[in-house]
Amino acid sequence: MSRRRALGLGMAALAAAGWALAPPSTLRIADSAREPTPWHALDAHGQARFDLGHAVFNTSWLPAGSGGGRRDGLGPQFVATSCDACHNSRRRGRGPAGDGPLPPDMVVQVGQRATDGSVVRGHPQFGQVANTAAIEGFSPEARIEVHHRQRTYTRADGSRVLLHMPVYRLHGSEGFAPEDLVLMPRVPPAVLGSGLLERIPVAAIAEAAAHAPAVRGRIAWRETSTGRSVGRFGWQATEPSIASQTSAAFAREMGLSNPLHAAIDCAAFDHACLSAPTGGDPEVAADLFAALVAFQQDEAMRRTPAAAARLARNPGQARVFARIGCADCHRPAMPTLDGGTIAPYTDLLLHDLGRGLADRDLAGRPVPSLWRTAPLWGLSVSVESGRALRLLHDGRARSIEEAIAWHGGVATGARMRFDALAAGERQALLDWIAAL
């Protein structure tokens, strides 16, 4: 789909929903636009809702009182102005290109370290997220920079991988950063195919937890207003549904109240933020929110033709992937509620991957960190248009090989078996994974 056609569909859908539109120059599909494709057939109503959700995903929100009609209310402090700003064409974020200020598509969640070493999500000085941008008249909560320390990972055969360990510097708006602050930097994951992950039965996730005791995965149970649910979304499976994940992102990263989050993410004593003008109650109207959620639920994960061809040419690599233990967590097949099967390469379980990948406080001390197995499907989509890979939760890995080298904890055995492969075998497997 051309950018012009995508823009036209978005404008038409928004107009049909009665959304007051700004000039076309402010409603744009970002670079390297990717045509959305539903994973199942949609009727006319479903297709209209899909188009509207696509438009909402790609639209920048404006500050309250700016004349933006149904799309004002941004901020007063935020990370990004649109969903697409972080998940360009629903793909994963770009991550840091190098040392310096964090890019605008990277989110830094925060926590508070308790005296016993455990971590509580959120911090009184920041809320849930350290917002690095603000509307006129307000100041960002923080300025955050990243610098990378290099170290060499050496295998038994003498081959080496250069690793990049990120170190973060936070400059708070109050001129200091509290010692108990824990930084949780996150590259936005891809949202392609999210609706299919939501359709994996709880029983299948439980079976995965029982099937591979050697890797000690556990279900991320989350308490919700309707009872206990399985966490499926986010790097640590903090959200049980697409709706809850979308709602949290609106409130915490864009400063937009919505049907599931009546309050935005102001710090506990930030009276200016708490009393800032609003763009409605809620700022994201229920019909627009529902369309955006439905769009994510309906969009398929679709590989490029070239990637699909590479996978078809190398079926033996799937057996290598399983033999060395990667498939114990990155499960290649999971059932769906309608009796189908998908290949997300995840078990949706939480795993301890070692101190090297753990979140840290400002003193650099690691804190207990469990990670949801990242779905590997869509890796080929991430490198469309020549994008540089920035893998793992904070984008530290510049390649799939680097990402594997960082695997510790319960993934140590799989990493060591990968290292033991001959150089040519390792490269063949890396090429196969890159085509997922």
Protein backbone atom coordinates (compact mmCIF):
# COMPACT_ATOMS: atom_id res chain seq x y z
CA MET A 1 0.00 0.00 0.00
CA SER A 2 1.38 3.39 -0.88
CA ARG A 3 1.65 6.04 1.81
CA ARG A 4 -0.88 8.14 -0.07
CA ARG A 5 -3.45 5.33 -0.21
CA ALA A 6 -2.88 4.48 3.46
CA LEU A 7 -3.40 8.11 4.37
CA GLY A 8 -6.59 8.25 2.34
CA LEU A 9 -8.05 5.22 4.07
CA GLY A 10 -7.20 6.69 7.46
CA MET A 11 -8.76 10.05 6.65
CA ALA A 12 -11.94 8.42 5.32
CA ALA A 13 -12.28 6.15 8.32
CA LEU A 14 -11.72 9.00 10.73
CA ALA A 15 -14.21 11.20 8.96
CA ALA A 16 -16.79 8.42 9.06
CA ALA A 17 -16.27 8.21 12.81
CA GLY A 18 -16.84 11.93 13.20
CA TRP A 19 -13.28 12.68 14.29
CA ALA A 20 -12.36 16.33 13.79
CA LEU A 21 -9.42 16.23 11.40
CA ALA A 22 -6.33 18.37 11.31
CA PRO A 23 -4.69 19.19 7.97
CA PRO A 24 -3.32 16.10 6.17
CA SER A 25 0.27 17.12 6.92
CA THR A 26 -0.27 16.29 10.61
CA LEU A 27 -1.98 12.94 9.91
CA ARG A 28 0.70 10.88 8.27
CA ILE A 29 1.86 7.33 7.97
CA ALA A 30 5.47 7.21 9.13
CA ASP A 31 8.34 6.01 6.98
CA SER A 32 8.39 2.55 5.38
CA ALA A 33 4.66 2.07 5.81
CA ARG A 34 3.47 -1.53 5.85
CA GLU A 35 0.04 -2.52 4.60
CA PRO A 36 -2.01 -4.15 7.37
CA THR A 37 -3.56 -7.51 6.56
CA PRO A 38 -6.19 -9.23 8.74
CA TRP A 39 -5.57 -12.86 9.68
CA HIS A 40 -9.20 -13.79 9.00
CA ALA A 41 -11.99 -12.64 6.70
CA LEU A 42 -13.78 -9.46 7.81
CA ASP A 43 -17.29 -8.39 6.91
CA ALA A 44 -18.02 -4.81 5.90
CA HIS A 45 -18.42 -3.65 9.50
CA GLY A 46 -15.26 -5.42 10.58
CA GLN A 47 -13.28 -3.96 7.69
CA ALA A 48 -14.49 -0.44 8.51
CA ARG A 49 -13.48 -0.93 12.12
CA PHE A 50 -10.10 -2.32 10.98
CA ASP A 51 -9.49 0.77 8.81
CA LEU A 52 -10.50 3.10 11.62
CA GLY A 53 -8.20 1.31 14.07
CA HIS A 54 -5.34 1.57 11.56
CA ALA A 55 -5.96 5.31 11.29
CA VAL A 56 -6.05 5.77 15.06
CA PHE A 57 -2.79 3.83 15.35
CA ASN A 58 -1.09 6.19 12.90
CA THR A 59 -2.49 9.49 14.13
CA SER A 60 -0.61 11.99 16.28
CA TRP A 61 -2.48 13.31 19.31
CA LEU A 62 -2.49 17.01 20.16
CA PRO A 63 -2.42 18.89 23.49
CA ALA A 64 -5.71 19.71 25.18
CA GLY A 65 -7.28 22.92 23.88
CA SER A 66 -5.32 22.84 20.63
CA GLY A 67 -8.39 22.49 18.43
CA GLY A 68 -7.72 18.85 17.67
CA GLY A 69 -11.33 17.84 18.19
CA ARG A 70 -11.63 14.25 19.30
CA ARG A 71 -7.89 13.72 19.27
CA ASP A 72 -6.59 16.30 21.71
CA GLY A 73 -5.48 15.70 25.28
CA LEU A 74 -1.83 14.67 24.82
CA GLY A 75 0.43 14.96 27.82
CA PRO A 76 1.20 17.08 29.68
CA GLN A 77 4.24 14.78 29.89
CA PHE A 78 4.69 11.92 27.47
CA VAL A 79 7.06 9.70 25.52
CA ALA A 80 5.48 9.71 22.07
CA THR A 81 2.53 11.34 20.29
CA SER A 82 1.24 8.29 18.42
CA CYS A 83 1.27 4.50 18.55
CA ASP A 84 3.14 4.44 15.24
CA ALA A 85 5.90 6.65 16.62
CA CYS A 86 7.07 3.69 18.73
CA HIS A 87 5.77 0.74 16.68
CA ASN A 88 6.38 2.00 13.15
CA SER A 89 4.04 0.00 10.92
CA ARG A 90 3.34 -2.18 13.98
CA ARG A 91 6.94 -3.43 14.03
CA ARG A 92 9.33 -3.35 16.96
CA GLY A 93 11.00 -0.05 17.91
CA ARG A 94 14.35 0.87 16.48
CA GLY A 95 16.16 1.13 19.82
CA PRO A 96 19.30 3.20 20.47
CA ALA A 97 21.47 3.77 17.41
CA GLY A 98 24.49 4.33 19.67
CA ASP A 99 25.54 6.37 22.68
CA GLY A 100 23.63 9.52 23.61
CA PRO A 101 20.05 10.54 24.39
CA LEU A 102 17.50 7.77 24.16
CA PRO A 103 15.50 7.79 20.92
CA PRO A 104 11.86 8.92 21.19
CA ASP A 105 10.59 5.40 20.50
CA MET A 106 12.17 3.94 23.64
CA VAL A 107 10.22 3.74 26.89
CA VAL A 108 11.83 3.73 30.32
CA GLN A 109 9.55 2.17 32.89
CA VAL A 110 10.58 2.70 36.50
CA GLY A 111 10.41 0.86 39.79
CA GLN A 112 11.32 1.38 43.42
CA ARG A 113 13.85 -0.88 45.09
CA ALA A 114 12.76 -2.08 48.51
CA THR A 115 15.14 -2.68 51.41
CA ASP A 116 14.96 -6.44 50.83
CA GLY A 117 16.13 -6.02 47.22
CA SER A 118 12.75 -6.64 45.63
CA VAL A 119 11.20 -4.15 43.23
CA VAL A 120 7.79 -2.48 43.25
CA ARG A 121 6.67 -1.12 39.90
CA GLY A 122 6.32 2.66 39.75
CA HIS A 123 8.04 5.40 41.73
CA PRO A 124 6.59 8.40 43.58
CA GLN A 125 8.83 10.80 41.65
CA PHE A 126 7.87 9.53 38.20
CA GLY A 127 4.80 7.33 38.25
CA GLN A 128 5.14 4.25 36.05
CA VAL A 129 7.21 5.76 33.24
CA ALA A 130 9.95 8.41 33.08
CA ASN A 131 8.42 10.72 30.47
CA THR A 132 11.07 12.41 28.34
CA ALA A 133 8.88 14.92 26.47
CA ALA A 134 6.25 17.49 27.42
CA ILE A 135 3.76 19.89 25.87
CA GLU A 136 4.34 23.63 25.96
CA GLY A 137 4.34 25.02 29.50
CA PHE A 138 5.51 21.77 31.10
CA SER A 139 8.88 20.13 31.58
CA PRO A 140 9.79 16.52 30.83
CA GLU A 141 10.18 14.34 33.90
CA ALA A 142 13.67 13.33 32.91
CA ARG A 143 16.44 13.39 30.34
CA ILE A 144 17.97 9.96 29.85
CA GLU A 145 21.17 9.01 28.07
CA VAL A 146 22.65 5.62 27.32
CA HIS A 147 26.30 4.70 26.96
CA HIS A 148 27.56 1.24 26.09
CA ARG A 149 30.48 -0.60 27.60
CA GLN A 150 31.92 -3.15 25.25
CA ARG A 151 33.11 -6.58 26.24
CA THR A 152 34.09 -9.63 24.28
CA TYR A 153 32.30 -12.96 24.57
CA THR A 154 34.66 -15.79 23.62
CA ARG A 155 33.56 -19.32 22.72
CA ALA A 156 35.52 -22.52 23.32
CA ASP A 157 36.57 -22.61 19.65
CA GLY A 158 38.10 -19.14 19.94
CA SER A 159 35.42 -17.29 17.99
CA ARG A 160 34.31 -14.01 19.52
CA VAL A 161 31.23 -11.82 19.74
CA LEU A 162 31.42 -8.15 20.73
CA LEU A 163 28.73 -7.35 23.30
CA HIS A 164 27.40 -3.93 24.29
CA MET A 165 26.38 -3.40 27.92
CA PRO A 166 24.11 -0.35 28.29
CA VAL A 167 24.64 2.09 31.16
CA TYR A 168 21.97 4.73 31.70
CA ARG A 169 22.23 8.24 33.08
CA LEU A 170 19.07 9.93 34.24
CA HIS A 171 18.81 13.66 34.83
CA GLY A 172 15.56 14.33 36.69
CA SER A 173 13.58 17.54 36.36
CA GLU A 174 14.11 18.13 40.08
CA GLY A 175 17.86 18.05 39.59
CA PHE A 176 18.49 14.69 41.26
CA ALA A 177 17.55 11.04 40.92
CA PRO A 178 16.52 8.99 43.96
CA GLU A 179 18.83 6.16 45.00
CA ASP A 180 16.00 3.63 45.13
CA LEU A 181 15.03 4.23 41.49
CA VAL A 182 15.16 1.20 39.20
CA LEU A 183 15.29 1.85 35.45
CA MET A 184 13.46 -0.54 33.13
CA PRO A 185 14.36 0.53 29.56
CA ARG A 186 12.16 -1.09 26.94
CA VAL A 187 12.28 -1.20 23.16
CA PRO A 188 8.66 -1.31 21.99
CA PRO A 189 7.93 -4.86 20.78
CA ALA A 190 6.14 -5.58 17.53
CA VAL A 191 2.36 -5.67 17.73
CA LEU A 192 1.88 -7.63 14.51
CA GLY A 193 0.01 -10.84 15.22
CA SER A 194 -0.90 -9.80 18.77
CA GLY A 195 -4.48 -10.95 18.34
CA LEU A 196 -3.29 -14.49 17.69
CA LEU A 197 -1.19 -14.49 20.85
CA GLU A 198 -4.31 -13.43 22.72
CA ARG A 199 -6.11 -16.49 21.33
CA ILE A 200 -3.68 -19.09 22.73
CA PRO A 201 -5.63 -21.08 25.36
CA VAL A 202 -4.52 -20.84 28.97
CA ALA A 203 -4.33 -24.64 29.01
CA ALA A 204 -1.67 -24.57 26.27
CA ILE A 205 0.43 -22.08 28.24
CA ALA A 206 0.06 -24.25 31.34
CA GLU A 207 1.11 -27.31 29.32
CA ALA A 208 4.23 -25.48 28.18
CA ALA A 209 5.08 -24.69 31.81
CA ALA A 210 4.77 -28.37 32.75
CA HIS A 211 6.45 -29.76 29.65
CA ALA A 212 9.94 -28.30 30.03
CA PRO A 213 10.92 -28.30 33.73
CA ALA A 214 14.59 -27.85 32.84
CA VAL A 215 13.99 -24.25 31.77
CA ARG A 216 11.68 -23.47 34.72
CA GLY A 217 9.20 -21.19 32.99
CA ARG A 218 6.17 -20.02 34.92
CA ILE A 219 2.86 -18.45 34.05
CA ALA A 220 2.62 -14.70 34.62
CA TRP A 221 -0.62 -14.60 36.59
CA ARG A 222 -2.01 -11.06 36.90
CA GLU A 223 -4.82 -9.82 39.10
CA THR A 224 -7.49 -7.88 37.20
CA SER A 225 -10.84 -6.37 38.05
CA THR A 226 -12.52 -9.56 36.81
CA GLY A 227 -10.20 -12.01 38.53
CA ARG A 228 -6.91 -13.69 37.78
CA SER A 229 -5.67 -13.67 34.16
CA VAL A 230 -2.55 -14.78 32.34
CA GLY A 231 -0.11 -12.02 31.42
CA ARG A 232 0.75 -12.25 27.74
CA PHE A 233 1.99 -8.83 26.61
CA GLY A 234 4.99 -6.70 27.44
CA TRP A 235 8.58 -7.81 27.98
CA GLN A 236 7.64 -9.16 31.40
CA ALA A 237 4.09 -10.24 30.55
CA THR A 238 2.66 -7.46 32.70
CA GLU A 239 -0.59 -7.15 30.72
CA PRO A 240 -3.16 -9.90 30.12
CA SER A 241 -4.85 -8.49 27.03
CA ILE A 242 -4.40 -6.21 24.05
CA ALA A 243 -6.98 -3.87 25.58
CA SER A 244 -5.09 -3.57 28.88
CA GLN A 245 -1.74 -3.15 27.11
CA THR A 246 -3.14 -0.44 24.83
CA SER A 247 -4.83 1.32 27.71
CA ALA A 248 -1.64 1.38 29.79
CA ALA A 249 0.38 2.74 26.85
CA PHE A 250 -2.12 5.53 26.26
CA ALA A 251 -2.14 6.57 29.93
CA ARG A 252 1.54 6.17 30.74
CA GLU A 253 3.36 6.94 27.51
CA MET A 254 1.05 9.48 25.88
CA GLY A 255 -0.74 11.01 28.86
CA LEU A 256 -4.18 10.10 27.50
CA SER A 257 -7.05 8.92 29.70
CA ASN A 258 -9.12 6.17 28.12
CA PRO A 259 -11.97 3.77 28.92
CA LEU A 260 -9.75 1.50 31.04
CA HIS A 261 -7.44 4.13 32.61
CA ALA A 262 -9.30 7.16 33.93
CA ALA A 263 -6.09 8.76 35.23
CA ILE A 264 -2.86 9.48 33.37
CA ASP A 265 0.60 8.73 34.72
CA CYS A 266 1.39 11.79 36.84
CA ALA A 267 3.91 11.52 39.66
CA ALA A 268 2.30 11.38 43.10
CA PHE A 269 3.15 14.98 44.03
CA ASP A 270 3.26 16.60 40.58
CA HIS A 271 0.36 18.99 41.13
CA ALA A 272 0.90 20.75 37.79
CA CYS A 273 0.45 17.46 35.92
CA LEU A 274 -2.48 16.42 38.08
CA SER A 275 -4.31 19.71 37.45
CA ALA A 276 -3.45 20.09 33.75
CA PRO A 277 -6.29 20.74 31.26
CA THR A 278 -7.80 17.63 29.71
CA GLY A 279 -9.10 16.84 26.27
CA GLY A 280 -12.28 15.10 27.41
CA ASP A 281 -13.40 12.36 29.76
CA PRO A 282 -11.99 10.07 28.58
CA GLU A 283 -9.57 11.68 26.13
CA VAL A 284 -9.55 8.57 23.95
CA ALA A 285 -13.22 8.01 23.17
CA ALA A 286 -14.64 4.52 23.62
CA ASP A 287 -15.33 3.94 19.91
CA LEU A 288 -11.81 4.95 18.89
CA PHE A 289 -10.28 2.84 21.63
CA ALA A 290 -12.38 -0.18 20.64
CA ALA A 291 -11.41 0.21 16.98
CA LEU A 292 -7.72 0.38 17.84
CA VAL A 293 -7.94 -2.74 20.00
CA ALA A 294 -9.87 -4.61 17.30
CA PHE A 295 -7.32 -3.58 14.67
CA GLN A 296 -4.50 -5.10 16.70
CA GLN A 297 -6.55 -8.21 17.38
CA ASP A 298 -7.27 -8.68 13.69
CA GLU A 299 -3.92 -7.88 12.07
CA ALA A 300 -1.90 -10.86 10.90
CA MET A 301 1.77 -11.61 11.27
CA ARG A 302 2.97 -11.82 7.68
CA ARG A 303 6.51 -12.61 6.57
CA THR A 304 8.06 -11.11 3.49
CA PRO A 305 8.05 -13.48 0.46
CA ALA A 306 11.85 -13.60 0.50
CA ALA A 307 11.88 -14.65 4.15
CA ALA A 308 9.23 -17.31 3.57
CA ALA A 309 11.32 -18.69 0.71
CA ARG A 310 14.45 -18.86 2.91
CA LEU A 311 12.56 -20.84 5.55
CA ALA A 312 11.21 -23.24 2.95
CA ARG A 313 14.71 -23.87 1.59
CA ASN A 314 16.14 -24.77 5.00
CA PRO A 315 13.70 -27.07 6.84
CA GLY A 316 16.56 -28.87 8.57
CA GLN A 317 17.38 -25.80 10.66
CA ALA A 318 14.11 -26.21 12.55
CA ARG A 319 15.43 -29.54 13.81
CA VAL A 320 18.73 -27.96 14.86
CA PHE A 321 16.79 -25.22 16.65
CA ALA A 322 14.89 -27.87 18.61
CA ARG A 323 17.90 -30.14 19.19
CA ILE A 324 20.00 -27.50 20.94
CA GLY A 325 17.10 -26.47 23.18
CA CYS A 326 15.94 -23.16 21.71
CA ALA A 327 12.47 -24.58 21.09
CA ASP A 328 12.03 -25.43 24.78
CA CYS A 329 11.04 -21.78 25.31
CA HIS A 330 10.67 -20.44 21.77
CA ARG A 331 8.00 -23.01 20.95
CA PRO A 332 7.37 -23.18 17.20
CA ALA A 333 3.76 -24.30 17.46
CA MET A 334 0.96 -23.15 19.75
CA PRO A 335 -2.78 -23.87 19.40
CA THR A 336 -5.50 -21.23 19.16
CA LEU A 337 -8.99 -21.16 20.60
CA ASP A 338 -10.58 -22.01 17.23
CA GLY A 339 -8.55 -25.21 16.87
CA GLY A 340 -5.88 -23.72 14.62
CA THR A 341 -2.13 -23.63 15.09
CA ILE A 342 0.26 -20.69 14.92
CA ALA A 343 4.07 -20.48 14.93
CA PRO A 344 4.96 -17.58 17.26
CA TYR A 345 8.15 -19.16 18.69
CA THR A 346 7.20 -18.37 22.29
CA ASP A 347 5.69 -20.14 25.27
CA LEU A 348 4.44 -16.85 26.82
CA LEU A 349 6.09 -17.94 30.08
CA LEU A 350 8.40 -15.99 32.39
CA HIS A 351 12.03 -17.11 32.66
CA ASP A 352 15.10 -16.06 34.61
CA LEU A 353 17.77 -15.25 32.01
CA GLY A 354 20.50 -14.37 34.48
CA ARG A 355 22.05 -11.28 36.04
CA GLY A 356 23.46 -10.03 32.75
CA LEU A 357 20.00 -9.17 31.41
CA ALA A 358 18.47 -8.04 34.71
CA ASP A 359 17.15 -4.52 35.25
CA ARG A 360 19.33 -2.37 37.50
CA ASP A 361 19.09 0.50 39.93
CA LEU A 362 21.07 3.71 39.44
CA ALA A 363 24.05 2.22 41.25
CA GLY A 364 24.16 -0.57 38.67
CA ARG A 365 22.98 -3.29 41.04
CA PRO A 366 20.84 -5.95 39.30
CA VAL A 367 17.33 -6.60 40.59
CA PRO A 368 15.22 -9.77 40.24
CA SER A 369 13.99 -9.85 36.62
CA LEU A 370 11.91 -12.47 34.83
CA TRP A 371 11.32 -12.19 31.10
CA ARG A 372 8.48 -13.40 28.91
CA THR A 373 9.87 -15.49 26.07
CA ALA A 374 10.00 -13.00 23.21
CA PRO A 375 8.11 -14.23 20.13
CA LEU A 376 10.60 -14.74 17.30
CA TRP A 377 8.06 -14.55 14.50
CA GLY A 378 8.43 -11.23 12.77
CA LEU A 379 12.23 -11.00 12.98
CA SER A 380 12.28 -10.85 9.18
CA VAL A 381 9.77 -7.99 9.32
CA SER A 382 12.03 -6.07 11.70
CA VAL A 383 14.77 -5.77 9.10
CA GLU A 384 12.55 -4.54 6.28
CA SER A 385 13.85 -1.44 4.53
CA GLY A 386 17.38 -2.15 5.77
CA ARG A 387 16.66 -1.57 9.44
CA ALA A 388 19.49 -2.28 11.87
CA LEU A 389 18.54 -4.88 14.45
CA ARG A 390 18.36 -3.81 18.09
CA LEU A 391 17.27 -6.91 19.97
CA LEU A 392 16.41 -7.89 23.55
CA HIS A 393 14.33 -5.76 25.89
CA ASP A 394 16.63 -2.73 25.75
CA GLY A 395 18.01 -3.02 22.22
CA ARG A 396 21.54 -3.86 23.36
CA ALA A 397 22.02 -6.72 20.90
CA ARG A 398 23.06 -5.61 17.41
CA SER A 399 22.49 -9.07 15.94
CA ILE A 400 20.79 -12.38 16.65
CA GLU A 401 24.21 -13.81 17.52
CA GLU A 402 24.69 -11.11 20.18
CA ALA A 403 21.23 -11.76 21.58
CA ILE A 404 22.03 -15.46 21.99
CA ALA A 405 25.34 -14.66 23.68
CA TRP A 406 23.47 -12.64 26.33
CA HIS A 407 21.27 -15.61 27.27
CA GLY A 408 22.04 -16.83 30.77
CA GLY A 409 20.07 -18.34 33.63
CA VAL A 410 17.85 -21.17 32.45
CA ALA A 411 18.91 -20.47 28.84
CA THR A 412 22.60 -21.17 29.55
CA GLY A 413 22.43 -24.74 28.28
CA ALA A 414 20.87 -23.77 24.94
CA ARG A 415 23.45 -21.01 24.51
CA MET A 416 26.32 -23.42 25.17
CA ARG A 417 24.94 -25.96 22.70
CA PHE A 418 24.67 -23.20 20.09
CA ASP A 419 28.28 -22.23 20.80
CA ALA A 420 29.34 -25.87 20.31
CA LEU A 421 28.03 -25.95 16.75
CA ALA A 422 30.58 -25.64 13.97
CA ALA A 423 30.91 -22.10 12.62
CA GLY A 424 29.06 -22.95 9.42
CA GLU A 425 26.23 -24.60 11.36
CA ARG A 426 25.91 -21.58 13.63
CA GLN A 427 25.65 -19.24 10.66
CA ALA A 428 23.07 -21.43 8.90
CA LEU A 429 20.91 -21.41 12.03
CA LEU A 430 21.29 -17.63 12.45
CA ASP A 431 20.18 -17.11 8.83
CA TRP A 432 17.16 -19.33 9.42
CA ILE A 433 16.15 -17.48 12.61
CA ALA A 434 16.47 -14.16 10.74
CA ALA A 435 13.83 -15.38 8.30
CA LEU A 436 11.18 -16.11 10.96
